[in-house]
């Protein structure tokens, strides 16, 4: 039973990592659309975009807002 739980956690981690990698290869405007619709991985990437100035002007306030939206949906990457 414990092994099954560990396998499930690993599988979810792989899926989320894959999803984030696919999103990071998209245009910022497309990721923004997904983020607006509530996608937590897209919200996290928008936080990174505003934090680092990737295809948008650096804006730490907007970055924080996107990270908080993502974290509110239990995205561990956004919880720091």
N, C-alpha and C. Protein backbone atom coordinates (compact mmCIF):
# COMPACT_ATOMS: atom_id res chain seq x y z
N UNK A 1 0.83 -1.19 0.00
CA UNK A 1 0.00 0.00 0.00
C UNK A 1 0.87 1.25 0.00
N UNK A 2 1.91 1.26 0.80
CA UNK A 2 2.80 2.40 0.89
C UNK A 2 3.51 2.63 -0.45
N UNK A 3 3.90 1.55 -1.10
CA UNK A 3 4.56 1.64 -2.40
C UNK A 3 3.61 2.24 -3.44
N UNK A 4 2.35 1.87 -3.38
CA UNK A 4 1.36 2.40 -4.31
C UNK A 4 1.21 3.91 -4.13
N UNK A 5 1.22 4.37 -2.88
CA UNK A 5 1.11 5.80 -2.60
C UNK A 5 2.34 6.54 -3.12
N UNK A 6 3.52 6.00 -2.91
CA UNK A 6 4.75 6.62 -3.40
C UNK A 6 4.72 6.70 -4.92
N UNK A 7 4.29 5.63 -5.57
CA UNK A 7 4.20 5.63 -7.02
C UNK A 7 3.24 6.70 -7.51
N UNK A 8 2.10 6.85 -6.83
CA UNK A 8 1.10 7.85 -7.22
C UNK A 8 1.67 9.26 -7.11
N UNK A 9 2.39 9.53 -6.03
CA UNK A 9 3.01 10.85 -5.84
C UNK A 9 4.04 11.11 -6.93
N UNK A 10 4.84 10.11 -7.25
CA UNK A 10 5.86 10.26 -8.30
C UNK A 10 5.20 10.53 -9.65
N UNK A 11 4.13 9.83 -9.96
CA UNK A 11 3.43 10.00 -11.22
C UNK A 11 2.86 11.42 -11.33
N UNK A 12 2.24 11.90 -10.27
CA UNK A 12 1.69 13.26 -10.28
C UNK A 12 2.82 14.28 -10.48
N UNK A 13 3.96 14.08 -9.84
CA UNK A 13 5.09 14.98 -9.99
C UNK A 13 5.59 15.02 -11.42
N UNK A 14 5.66 13.86 -12.05
CA UNK A 14 6.11 13.78 -13.44
C UNK A 14 5.14 14.52 -14.36
N UNK A 15 3.86 14.32 -14.15
CA UNK A 15 2.84 14.97 -14.98
C UNK A 15 2.92 16.49 -14.81
N UNK A 16 3.03 16.97 -13.57
CA UNK A 16 3.10 18.41 -13.34
C UNK A 16 4.37 19.01 -13.93
N UNK A 17 5.48 18.32 -13.82
CA UNK A 17 6.73 18.80 -14.39
C UNK A 17 6.62 18.88 -15.90
N UNK A 18 6.06 17.87 -16.50
CA UNK A 18 5.87 17.86 -17.95
C UNK A 18 4.97 19.00 -18.39
N UNK A 19 3.90 19.23 -17.66
CA UNK A 19 2.97 20.30 -17.98
C UNK A 19 3.68 21.65 -17.89
N UNK A 20 4.46 21.87 -16.85
CA UNK A 20 5.18 23.13 -16.69
C UNK A 20 6.18 23.33 -17.81
N UNK A 21 6.87 22.27 -18.23
CA UNK A 21 7.83 22.40 -19.31
C UNK A 21 7.13 22.76 -20.61
N UNK A 22 5.98 22.16 -20.89
CA UNK A 22 5.24 22.49 -22.09
C UNK A 22 4.76 23.92 -22.06
N UNK A 23 4.28 24.38 -20.92
CA UNK A 23 3.81 25.76 -20.79
C UNK A 23 4.95 26.74 -20.96
N UNK A 24 6.14 26.39 -20.46
CA UNK A 24 7.26 27.32 -20.55
C UNK A 24 7.73 27.51 -21.98
N UNK A 25 7.34 26.62 -22.88
CA UNK A 25 7.72 26.73 -24.29
C UNK A 25 6.68 27.49 -25.10
N UNK A 26 5.57 27.89 -24.48
CA UNK A 26 4.51 28.61 -25.17
C UNK A 26 4.81 30.12 -25.18
N UNK A 27 4.12 30.84 -26.04
CA UNK A 27 4.21 32.29 -26.05
C UNK A 27 3.61 32.84 -24.76
N UNK A 28 4.16 33.94 -24.28
CA UNK A 28 3.67 34.53 -23.03
C UNK A 28 2.19 34.86 -23.11
N UNK A 29 1.73 35.35 -24.25
CA UNK A 29 0.31 35.71 -24.38
C UNK A 29 -0.59 34.48 -24.24
N UNK A 30 -0.14 33.34 -24.75
CA UNK A 30 -0.93 32.11 -24.62
C UNK A 30 -0.95 31.61 -23.17
N UNK A 31 0.21 31.72 -22.51
CA UNK A 31 0.29 31.31 -21.11
C UNK A 31 -0.59 32.24 -20.27
N UNK A 32 -0.60 33.54 -20.60
CA UNK A 32 -1.42 34.50 -19.87
C UNK A 32 -2.91 34.14 -19.97
N UNK A 33 -3.33 33.70 -21.14
CA UNK A 33 -4.73 33.29 -21.32
C UNK A 33 -5.08 32.12 -20.41
N UNK A 34 -4.18 31.13 -20.35
CA UNK A 34 -4.41 29.98 -19.47
C UNK A 34 -4.40 30.41 -18.00
N UNK A 35 -3.50 31.32 -17.66
CA UNK A 35 -3.42 31.81 -16.28
C UNK A 35 -4.71 32.52 -15.89
N UNK A 36 -5.23 33.33 -16.79
CA UNK A 36 -6.48 34.04 -16.51
C UNK A 36 -7.64 33.06 -16.28
N UNK A 37 -7.56 31.91 -16.95
CA UNK A 37 -8.61 30.89 -16.80
C UNK A 37 -8.43 30.06 -15.53
N UNK A 38 -7.33 30.29 -14.80
CA UNK A 38 -7.14 29.62 -13.52
C UNK A 38 -6.16 28.47 -13.51
N UNK A 39 -5.38 28.29 -14.57
CA UNK A 39 -4.39 27.21 -14.61
C UNK A 39 -3.24 27.56 -13.67
N UNK A 40 -3.02 26.77 -12.59
CA UNK A 40 -2.00 27.12 -11.60
C UNK A 40 -0.57 27.09 -12.14
N UNK A 41 -0.28 26.19 -13.07
CA UNK A 41 1.07 26.16 -13.64
C UNK A 41 1.31 27.40 -14.50
N UNK A 42 0.30 27.80 -15.27
CA UNK A 42 0.41 29.01 -16.09
C UNK A 42 0.53 30.24 -15.20
N UNK A 43 -0.18 30.25 -14.09
CA UNK A 43 -0.08 31.37 -13.15
C UNK A 43 1.33 31.46 -12.58
N UNK A 44 1.92 30.33 -12.27
CA UNK A 44 3.29 30.31 -11.76
C UNK A 44 4.27 30.85 -12.81
N UNK A 45 4.10 30.43 -14.05
CA UNK A 45 4.99 30.89 -15.12
C UNK A 45 4.82 32.39 -15.35
N UNK A 46 3.58 32.89 -15.23
CA UNK A 46 3.38 34.34 -15.35
C UNK A 46 4.07 35.07 -14.21
N UNK A 47 4.07 34.48 -13.03
CA UNK A 47 4.81 35.07 -11.91
C UNK A 47 6.29 35.16 -12.23
N UNK A 48 6.83 34.10 -12.81
CA UNK A 48 8.24 34.11 -13.22
C UNK A 48 8.49 35.14 -14.32
N UNK A 49 7.56 35.22 -15.27
CA UNK A 49 7.72 36.16 -16.38
C UNK A 49 7.81 37.59 -15.87
N UNK A 50 6.90 37.97 -14.98
CA UNK A 50 6.93 39.33 -14.44
C UNK A 50 8.11 39.55 -13.51
N UNK A 51 8.53 38.53 -12.81
CA UNK A 51 9.68 38.65 -11.91
C UNK A 51 10.97 38.87 -12.70
N UNK A 52 11.09 38.21 -13.85
CA UNK A 52 12.34 38.24 -14.61
C UNK A 52 12.29 39.09 -15.87
N UNK A 53 11.12 39.62 -16.21
CA UNK A 53 11.01 40.44 -17.41
C UNK A 53 11.03 39.62 -18.69
N UNK A 54 10.45 38.42 -18.65
CA UNK A 54 10.40 37.56 -19.84
C UNK A 54 9.21 37.97 -20.70
N UNK A 55 9.44 38.63 -21.81
CA UNK A 55 8.40 39.08 -22.74
C UNK A 55 7.42 40.08 -22.13
N UNK A 56 7.67 40.53 -20.93
CA UNK A 56 6.87 41.55 -20.26
C UNK A 56 7.83 42.45 -19.48
N UNK A 57 7.36 43.63 -19.13
CA UNK A 57 8.17 44.51 -18.31
C UNK A 57 8.20 43.96 -16.88
N UNK A 58 9.37 44.00 -16.24
CA UNK A 58 9.45 43.52 -14.86
C UNK A 58 8.44 44.27 -14.00
N UNK A 59 7.71 43.51 -13.21
CA UNK A 59 6.71 44.09 -12.32
C UNK A 59 6.56 43.13 -11.14
N UNK A 60 7.21 43.49 -10.04
CA UNK A 60 7.21 42.60 -8.88
C UNK A 60 5.84 42.49 -8.21
N UNK A 61 5.01 43.52 -8.35
CA UNK A 61 3.66 43.45 -7.79
C UNK A 61 2.83 42.42 -8.54
N UNK A 62 2.88 42.48 -9.88
CA UNK A 62 2.14 41.50 -10.69
C UNK A 62 2.71 40.10 -10.48
N UNK A 63 4.03 40.01 -10.37
CA UNK A 63 4.67 38.72 -10.13
C UNK A 63 4.12 38.10 -8.85
N UNK A 64 4.09 38.88 -7.80
CA UNK A 64 3.59 38.39 -6.50
C UNK A 64 2.13 37.95 -6.62
N UNK A 65 1.32 38.73 -7.33
CA UNK A 65 -0.09 38.37 -7.49
C UNK A 65 -0.24 37.02 -8.18
N UNK A 66 0.54 36.79 -9.25
CA UNK A 66 0.44 35.52 -9.97
C UNK A 66 0.93 34.37 -9.11
N UNK A 67 2.03 34.57 -8.38
CA UNK A 67 2.52 33.51 -7.49
C UNK A 67 1.48 33.18 -6.43
N UNK A 68 0.83 34.19 -5.87
CA UNK A 68 -0.17 33.95 -4.83
C UNK A 68 -1.39 33.20 -5.39
N UNK A 69 -1.81 33.53 -6.61
CA UNK A 69 -2.93 32.82 -7.23
C UNK A 69 -2.58 31.35 -7.44
N UNK A 70 -1.36 31.11 -7.90
CA UNK A 70 -0.91 29.74 -8.12
C UNK A 70 -0.79 28.98 -6.80
N UNK A 71 -0.21 29.62 -5.80
CA UNK A 71 -0.04 28.99 -4.49
C UNK A 71 -1.39 28.67 -3.85
N UNK A 72 -2.37 29.52 -4.08
CA UNK A 72 -3.71 29.30 -3.52
C UNK A 72 -4.34 28.03 -4.07
N UNK A 73 -3.82 27.57 -5.20
CA UNK A 73 -4.31 26.32 -5.80
C UNK A 73 -3.35 25.16 -5.51
N UNK A 74 -2.56 25.34 -4.48
CA UNK A 74 -1.65 24.30 -3.98
C UNK A 74 -0.51 23.96 -4.94
N UNK A 75 -0.08 24.91 -5.74
CA UNK A 75 1.10 24.71 -6.57
C UNK A 75 2.33 24.94 -5.68
N UNK A 76 3.01 23.87 -5.32
CA UNK A 76 4.15 23.96 -4.40
C UNK A 76 5.27 24.84 -4.92
N UNK A 77 5.46 24.90 -6.23
CA UNK A 77 6.53 25.73 -6.78
C UNK A 77 6.29 27.21 -6.47
N UNK A 78 5.05 27.60 -6.34
CA UNK A 78 4.72 29.00 -6.07
C UNK A 78 4.71 29.34 -4.59
N UNK A 79 4.85 28.34 -3.75
CA UNK A 79 4.80 28.56 -2.30
C UNK A 79 6.20 28.76 -1.73
N UNK A 80 6.66 29.97 -1.73
CA UNK A 80 7.97 30.25 -1.14
C UNK A 80 7.97 31.56 -0.42
